[in-house]
Amino acid sequence: MQLLALLFCSVALTGTAAMAGITKDSADAEQQNSAAERDLDEATRRVLEQFHTVRVPLSQAMAIAERLHEGSKTADVSFEISGPPVYRVRTVRNERVYENVIDANAGSVSDGEIASSLKELDREDLSNIIALKWIRQKLSDAVQVAERASAGSALAGGLMKQDGKLNFIVVVATGDRLKEVWLEPPKIGQQPAHR
């Protein structure tokens, strides 16, 4: 649920300070859990409501961002609704990381680009971006597979390590629900399994 949590950062609801308080008994804990679940349901509803109205699919937003820097690859992308709906796309080329905001309705590049060196990234982000060089699948490939497998439309994706394994994680909207689809990419030099 890590990517889902990141997705909801843009629609964070107030009242989360209560979650940090010390609970006096199990009834208080149950009440807080119930409130947190309602907040998550409301955030999901708001995200889906906005997402179902946009004109630009996530795959197109990734392609737009990749064209800004010839030869770049998308490292991660997320749909955000903290203002007008946008996709925040991070691409990588050589030793540089570029973050661009793509308008989810017009497909135009908005705000200023943020460019940084790989050296400026935290350890986890750096590890994931370096891993992009050692896998032959692109995030755009994983998005297509996830959308077909879940019969929905992707609204976020990226690379993540869990239990020592590298996975593409794609969040897909299917009707009124969000699903996380995990895909383990083949490494370069690894032969695909024949079925």
Protein backbone atom coordinates (compact mmCIF):
# COMPACT_ATOMS: atom_id res chain seq x y z
CA MET A 1 0.00 0.00 0.00
CA GLN A 2 3.04 2.28 -0.12
CA LEU A 3 2.20 3.76 -3.52
CA LEU A 4 -1.44 4.24 -2.55
CA ALA A 5 -0.25 6.15 0.52
CA LEU A 6 1.90 8.39 -1.66
CA LEU A 7 -1.02 8.97 -3.99
CA PHE A 8 -3.15 10.27 -1.13
CA CYS A 9 -0.51 12.74 0.03
CA SER A 10 -1.97 15.19 -2.46
CA VAL A 11 -5.45 14.87 -0.93
CA ALA A 12 -4.50 14.54 2.71
CA LEU A 13 -7.43 15.09 4.96
CA THR A 14 -7.38 17.00 8.23
CA GLY A 15 -7.76 15.20 11.52
CA THR A 16 -4.73 12.95 11.26
CA ALA A 17 -3.28 14.42 14.44
CA ALA A 18 -5.71 12.28 16.40
CA MET A 19 -3.93 9.20 15.06
CA ALA A 20 -0.73 10.23 16.79
CA GLY A 21 -2.37 10.55 20.22
CA ILE A 22 -2.12 7.92 22.94
CA THR A 23 -5.23 5.76 23.05
CA LYS A 24 -6.82 5.16 26.45
CA ASP A 25 -8.64 1.93 25.60
CA SER A 26 -9.57 -0.36 22.72
CA ALA A 27 -12.84 1.50 22.07
CA ASP A 28 -10.83 4.67 21.34
CA ALA A 29 -8.52 2.69 19.03
CA GLU A 30 -11.48 1.18 17.15
CA GLN A 31 -13.07 4.61 16.78
CA GLN A 32 -9.82 6.06 15.43
CA ASN A 33 -9.38 3.15 13.00
CA SER A 34 -12.94 3.61 11.81
CA ALA A 35 -12.34 7.36 11.29
CA ALA A 36 -9.11 6.63 9.40
CA GLU A 37 -10.93 4.15 7.14
CA ARG A 38 -13.68 6.73 6.43
CA ASP A 39 -11.01 9.33 5.61
CA LEU A 40 -9.29 6.88 3.25
CA ASP A 41 -12.61 6.02 1.59
CA GLU A 42 -13.38 9.73 1.16
CA ALA A 43 -9.91 10.42 -0.26
CA THR A 44 -10.28 7.48 -2.67
CA ARG A 45 -13.70 8.77 -3.78
CA ARG A 46 -12.28 12.27 -4.40
CA VAL A 47 -9.30 10.98 -6.37
CA LEU A 48 -11.46 8.69 -8.51
CA GLU A 49 -14.05 11.39 -9.08
CA GLN A 50 -11.37 13.72 -10.48
CA PHE A 51 -9.48 10.97 -12.32
CA HIS A 52 -12.55 9.77 -14.24
CA THR A 53 -12.98 13.26 -15.72
CA VAL A 54 -9.45 13.81 -17.09
CA ARG A 55 -8.71 13.63 -20.81
CA VAL A 56 -5.03 12.64 -20.74
CA PRO A 57 -4.21 9.04 -19.77
CA LEU A 58 -1.18 8.34 -17.59
CA SER A 59 0.70 6.67 -20.47
CA GLN A 60 0.38 9.84 -22.56
CA ALA A 61 1.62 12.00 -19.67
CA MET A 62 4.68 9.74 -19.37
CA ALA A 63 5.36 10.02 -23.12
CA ILE A 64 5.07 13.82 -22.95
CA ALA A 65 7.59 13.99 -20.09
CA GLU A 66 10.00 11.57 -21.81
CA ARG A 67 9.97 13.68 -25.00
CA LEU A 68 11.22 16.68 -23.00
CA HIS A 69 14.60 14.92 -22.61
CA GLU A 70 15.38 12.63 -25.52
CA GLY A 71 16.31 9.13 -24.33
CA SER A 72 14.91 9.54 -20.82
CA LYS A 73 12.93 6.85 -18.97
CA THR A 74 10.08 7.42 -16.53
CA ALA A 75 11.07 6.46 -12.99
CA ASP A 76 7.72 7.23 -11.35
CA VAL A 77 4.47 9.03 -11.99
CA SER A 78 1.52 10.02 -9.84
CA PHE A 79 -1.87 11.64 -10.32
CA GLU A 80 -2.48 14.62 -8.03
CA ILE A 81 -5.53 16.72 -7.25
CA SER A 82 -4.21 19.28 -4.76
CA GLY A 83 -5.21 21.87 -7.39
CA PRO A 84 -6.20 21.25 -11.00
CA PRO A 85 -5.63 17.55 -11.79
CA VAL A 86 -2.06 16.87 -12.91
CA TYR A 87 0.46 14.07 -13.31
CA ARG A 88 3.82 14.51 -11.59
CA VAL A 89 6.36 12.61 -13.72
CA ARG A 90 10.00 11.94 -12.83
CA THR A 91 12.22 10.93 -15.72
CA VAL A 92 15.88 9.94 -15.74
CA ARG A 93 18.54 10.47 -18.36
CA ASN A 94 22.22 9.83 -17.73
CA GLU A 95 22.98 11.26 -14.27
CA ARG A 96 20.04 13.69 -14.17
CA VAL A 97 16.51 13.40 -12.80
CA TYR A 98 13.78 15.65 -14.18
CA GLU A 99 10.45 16.26 -12.51
CA ASN A 100 7.67 17.72 -14.62
CA VAL A 101 4.02 18.46 -14.01
CA ILE A 102 1.70 17.51 -16.87
CA ASP A 103 -1.83 18.96 -16.96
CA ALA A 104 -4.18 15.94 -16.88
CA ASN A 105 -6.72 17.64 -19.15
CA ALA A 106 -4.65 19.61 -21.65
CA GLY A 107 -1.48 17.49 -21.77
CA SER A 108 0.61 20.62 -21.44
CA VAL A 109 3.69 20.96 -19.27
CA SER A 110 2.92 23.24 -16.37
CA ASP A 111 4.97 24.74 -13.55
CA GLY A 112 8.73 24.84 -13.73
CA GLU A 113 10.81 21.76 -14.28
CA ILE A 114 12.88 20.54 -11.34
CA ALA A 115 16.19 19.03 -12.41
CA SER A 116 18.60 17.37 -10.02
CA SER A 117 21.60 15.12 -9.95
CA LEU A 118 21.38 11.48 -8.93
CA LYS A 119 23.70 12.44 -6.08
CA GLU A 120 20.91 14.54 -4.55
CA LEU A 121 18.50 11.61 -4.17
CA ASP A 122 17.94 9.65 -0.99
CA ARG A 123 19.29 6.11 -0.84
CA GLU A 124 16.01 4.37 -1.73
CA ASP A 125 15.23 6.59 -4.73
CA LEU A 126 18.79 6.27 -6.00
CA SER A 127 18.65 2.49 -5.70
CA ASN A 128 15.39 2.31 -7.65
CA ILE A 129 16.63 4.63 -10.39
CA ILE A 130 19.90 2.73 -10.80
CA ALA A 131 17.82 -0.45 -11.10
CA LEU A 132 16.13 1.03 -14.19
CA LYS A 133 19.42 0.43 -16.04
CA TRP A 134 19.37 -3.29 -15.22
CA ILE A 135 15.87 -4.14 -16.32
CA ARG A 136 14.64 -4.29 -19.89
CA GLN A 137 11.02 -3.43 -19.18
CA LYS A 138 9.94 0.20 -18.95
CA LEU A 139 7.35 1.60 -16.57
CA SER A 140 5.15 2.26 -19.62
CA ASP A 141 5.23 -1.51 -20.37
CA ALA A 142 4.23 -2.29 -16.79
CA VAL A 143 1.37 0.23 -17.01
CA GLN A 144 -0.01 -1.48 -20.13
CA VAL A 145 0.17 -4.92 -18.50
CA ALA A 146 -1.46 -3.67 -15.28
CA GLU A 147 -4.27 -1.91 -17.16
CA ARG A 148 -5.03 -5.04 -19.22
CA ALA A 149 -4.83 -7.36 -16.21
CA SER A 150 -7.18 -5.27 -14.08
CA ALA A 151 -9.40 -3.84 -16.85
CA GLY A 152 -8.83 -0.29 -15.63
CA SER A 153 -6.83 2.89 -16.10
CA ALA A 154 -3.52 3.56 -14.34
CA LEU A 155 -3.12 6.68 -12.24
CA ALA A 156 0.27 6.08 -10.60
CA GLY A 157 3.31 3.87 -10.94
CA GLY A 158 6.92 3.39 -10.02
CA LEU A 159 9.62 1.00 -8.90
CA MET A 160 9.80 -0.30 -5.35
CA LYS A 161 11.79 -2.90 -3.50
CA GLN A 162 10.04 -5.23 -1.10
CA ASP A 163 11.64 -8.22 0.56
CA GLY A 164 14.76 -7.60 -1.53
CA LYS A 165 12.88 -7.85 -4.83
CA LEU A 166 12.43 -5.02 -7.29
CA ASN A 167 8.88 -4.56 -8.55
CA PHE A 168 6.93 -2.19 -10.70
CA ILE A 169 3.89 -1.08 -8.75
CA VAL A 170 1.02 0.39 -10.72
CA VAL A 171 -2.13 1.82 -9.13
CA VAL A 172 -5.13 1.22 -11.37
CA ALA A 173 -8.64 2.69 -11.13
CA THR A 174 -11.28 0.05 -11.82
CA GLY A 175 -14.73 1.50 -11.45
CA ASP A 176 -15.00 2.95 -7.95
CA ARG A 177 -11.94 1.15 -6.57
CA LEU A 178 -8.16 1.42 -6.67
CA LYS A 179 -5.99 -1.65 -7.13
CA GLU A 180 -2.24 -2.05 -6.73
CA VAL A 181 -0.69 -4.28 -9.38
CA TRP A 182 2.81 -5.62 -8.62
CA LEU A 183 4.98 -6.79 -11.52
CA GLU A 184 8.49 -8.19 -11.20
CA PRO A 185 10.45 -7.05 -14.26
CA PRO A 186 12.90 -9.42 -15.96
CA LYS A 187 16.54 -8.41 -15.59
CA ILE A 188 18.72 -7.67 -18.62
CA GLY A 189 20.31 -10.88 -19.88
CA GLN A 190 17.60 -13.03 -18.28
CA GLN A 191 15.73 -15.20 -20.73
CA PRO A 192 11.94 -14.85 -20.59
CA ALA A 193 10.12 -17.93 -19.41
CA HIS A 194 8.47 -19.84 -22.26
CA ARG A 195 4.94 -21.01 -21.57
